[in-house]
Amino acid sequence: MHCPKGALNPINIPVLCAGNSARPILLDSLLSHHADGRVTVFSAGSQPAGQVNPHATSLLAVKGHETVGFRSKSWDESGTSDAPKWAL
């Protein structure tokens, strides 16, 4: 699904992985960086590691991407009634 640049309603994209410590964090950063506000990324895991993999953070920093604000979190946080609706 394509959303024009500057669209008022960005697409909410879930990025799921068991540990939510590396791959989802990397994809979250890349999509957020390159999508120009057209998407909002929600990364989560079934068994979150509890911390972001330091190698993922280092790679993002080397590539000039944001490294602040990421955390390993459970997908249970996305199942609340006030959670955004995902584009599936």
C-alpha atoms as a PDB file:
ATOM      1  CA  MET A   1       0.000   0.000   0.000  1.00  0.00           C
ATOM      2  CA  HIS A   2       1.430   3.365  -0.975  1.00  0.00           C
ATOM      3  CA  CYS A   3       0.789   6.483   1.046  1.00  0.00           C
ATOM      4  CA  PRO A   4       1.695   9.811  -0.574  1.00  0.00           C
ATOM      5  CA  LYS A   5       4.414  11.894   1.049  1.00  0.00           C
ATOM      6  CA  GLY A   6       2.969  14.136   3.718  1.00  0.00           C
ATOM      7  CA  ALA A   7      -0.237  12.108   3.997  1.00  0.00           C
ATOM      8  CA  LEU A   8      -2.371  12.915   7.012  1.00  0.00           C
ATOM      9  CA  ASN A   9      -2.896   9.271   7.954  1.00  0.00           C
ATOM     10  CA  PRO A  10       0.328   7.276   7.895  1.00  0.00           C
ATOM     11  CA  ILE A  11       0.157   3.501   7.572  1.00  0.00           C
ATOM     12  CA  ASN A  12       0.783   1.635  10.841  1.00  0.00           C
ATOM     13  CA  ILE A  13       3.161  -1.273  10.204  1.00  0.00           C
ATOM     14  CA  PRO A  14       3.867  -4.038  12.743  1.00  0.00           C
ATOM     15  CA  VAL A  15       7.369  -5.521  12.734  1.00  0.00           C
ATOM     16  CA  LEU A  16       7.321  -8.724  14.762  1.00  0.00           C
ATOM     17  CA  CYS A  17      10.118 -11.031  15.900  1.00  0.00           C
ATOM     18  CA  ALA A  18      10.513 -13.255  18.951  1.00  0.00           C
ATOM     19  CA  GLY A  19      13.192 -11.253  20.800  1.00  0.00           C
ATOM     20  CA  ASN A  20      12.502  -7.784  19.403  1.00  0.00           C
ATOM     21  CA  SER A  21      16.106  -6.804  19.973  1.00  0.00           C
ATOM     22  CA  ALA A  22      17.788  -6.486  16.555  1.00  0.00           C
ATOM     23  CA  ARG A  23      15.990  -7.104  13.233  1.00  0.00           C
ATOM     24  CA  PRO A  24      12.745  -5.318  14.134  1.00  0.00           C
ATOM     25  CA  ILE A  25      14.734  -2.421  15.588  1.00  0.00           C
ATOM     26  CA  LEU A  26      16.781  -2.142  12.385  1.00  0.00           C
ATOM     27  CA  LEU A  27      13.696  -2.245  10.178  1.00  0.00           C
ATOM     28  CA  ASP A  28      11.877   0.216  12.446  1.00  0.00           C
ATOM     29  CA  SER A  29      14.740   2.686  12.070  1.00  0.00           C
ATOM     30  CA  LEU A  30      15.075   2.201   8.304  1.00  0.00           C
ATOM     31  CA  LEU A  31      11.358   2.562   7.597  1.00  0.00           C
ATOM     32  CA  SER A  32      11.032   5.557   9.881  1.00  0.00           C
ATOM     33  CA  HIS A  33      14.059   7.197   8.261  1.00  0.00           C
ATOM     34  CA  HIS A  34      13.111   6.603   4.624  1.00  0.00           C
ATOM     35  CA  ALA A  35       9.311   6.820   4.700  1.00  0.00           C
ATOM     36  CA  ASP A  36       9.108  10.588   5.245  1.00  0.00           C
ATOM     37  CA  GLY A  37       6.241  10.263   7.711  1.00  0.00           C
ATOM     38  CA  ARG A  38       4.195   7.940   5.483  1.00  0.00           C
ATOM     39  CA  VAL A  39       4.448   5.037   7.922  1.00  0.00           C
ATOM     40  CA  THR A  40       4.498   4.512  11.660  1.00  0.00           C
ATOM     41  CA  VAL A  41       6.352   1.390  12.749  1.00  0.00           C
ATOM     42  CA  PHE A  42       5.514  -0.677  15.815  1.00  0.00           C
ATOM     43  CA  SER A  43       8.123  -3.330  16.597  1.00  0.00           C
ATOM     44  CA  ALA A  44       7.410  -6.020  19.181  1.00  0.00           C
ATOM     45  CA  GLY A  45       8.204  -9.593  20.121  1.00  0.00           C
ATOM     46  CA  SER A  46       6.627 -12.680  21.638  1.00  0.00           C
ATOM     47  CA  GLN A  47       9.534 -13.098  24.073  1.00  0.00           C
ATOM     48  CA  PRO A  48      11.254  -9.696  24.220  1.00  0.00           C
ATOM     49  CA  ALA A  49      14.934  -9.776  25.134  1.00  0.00           C
ATOM     50  CA  GLY A  50      14.545  -6.820  27.476  1.00  0.00           C
ATOM     51  CA  GLN A  51      17.206  -4.736  25.762  1.00  0.00           C
ATOM     52  CA  VAL A  52      18.168  -3.681  22.256  1.00  0.00           C
ATOM     53  CA  ASN A  53      21.075  -5.620  20.792  1.00  0.00           C
ATOM     54  CA  PRO A  54      24.133  -3.315  21.017  1.00  0.00           C
ATOM     55  CA  HIS A  55      25.339  -4.477  17.589  1.00  0.00           C
ATOM     56  CA  ALA A  56      22.064  -3.250  16.065  1.00  0.00           C
ATOM     57  CA  THR A  57      22.477   0.122  17.759  1.00  0.00           C
ATOM     58  CA  SER A  58      26.090   0.370  16.583  1.00  0.00           C
ATOM     59  CA  LEU A  59      25.137  -0.459  12.999  1.00  0.00           C
ATOM     60  CA  LEU A  60      22.412   2.186  13.001  1.00  0.00           C
ATOM     61  CA  ALA A  61      24.844   4.773  14.342  1.00  0.00           C
ATOM     62  CA  VAL A  62      27.490   3.921  11.727  1.00  0.00           C
ATOM     63  CA  LYS A  63      24.881   4.289   8.975  1.00  0.00           C
ATOM     64  CA  GLY A  64      23.691   7.653  10.346  1.00  0.00           C
ATOM     65  CA  HIS A  65      20.306   6.484  11.619  1.00  0.00           C
ATOM     66  CA  GLU A  66      18.531   7.331  14.856  1.00  0.00           C
ATOM     67  CA  THR A  67      19.563   5.171  17.816  1.00  0.00           C
ATOM     68  CA  VAL A  68      17.580   6.747  20.670  1.00  0.00           C
ATOM     69  CA  GLY A  69      14.181   5.643  21.900  1.00  0.00           C
ATOM     70  CA  PHE A  70      14.232   2.010  20.816  1.00  0.00           C
ATOM     71  CA  ARG A  71      13.418  -0.709  23.317  1.00  0.00           C
ATOM     72  CA  SER A  72      12.706  -4.414  23.245  1.00  0.00           C
ATOM     73  CA  LYS A  73       8.987  -4.740  23.966  1.00  0.00           C
ATOM     74  CA  SER A  74       6.250  -7.329  24.027  1.00  0.00           C
ATOM     75  CA  TRP A  75       3.581  -7.501  21.382  1.00  0.00           C
ATOM     76  CA  ASP A  76       1.088  -7.553  24.270  1.00  0.00           C
ATOM     77  CA  GLU A  77       1.548  -3.766  24.352  1.00  0.00           C
ATOM     78  CA  SER A  78       0.000  -3.615  20.883  1.00  0.00           C
ATOM     79  CA  GLY A  79      -3.111  -5.541  21.877  1.00  0.00           C
ATOM     80  CA  THR A  80      -4.674  -2.894  24.076  1.00  0.00           C
ATOM     81  CA  SER A  81      -7.870  -1.150  23.093  1.00  0.00           C
ATOM     82  CA  ASP A  82      -6.055   2.177  22.638  1.00  0.00           C
ATOM     83  CA  ALA A  83      -3.315   0.707  20.405  1.00  0.00           C
ATOM     84  CA  PRO A  84      -3.167   1.873  16.771  1.00  0.00           C
ATOM     85  CA  LYS A  85      -4.742  -0.326  14.114  1.00  0.00           C
ATOM     86  CA  TRP A  86      -2.160  -2.134  11.980  1.00  0.00           C
ATOM     87  CA  ALA A  87      -2.081  -2.357   8.199  1.00  0.00           C
ATOM     88  CA  LEU A  88      -2.028  -6.101   7.554  1.00  0.00           C
END
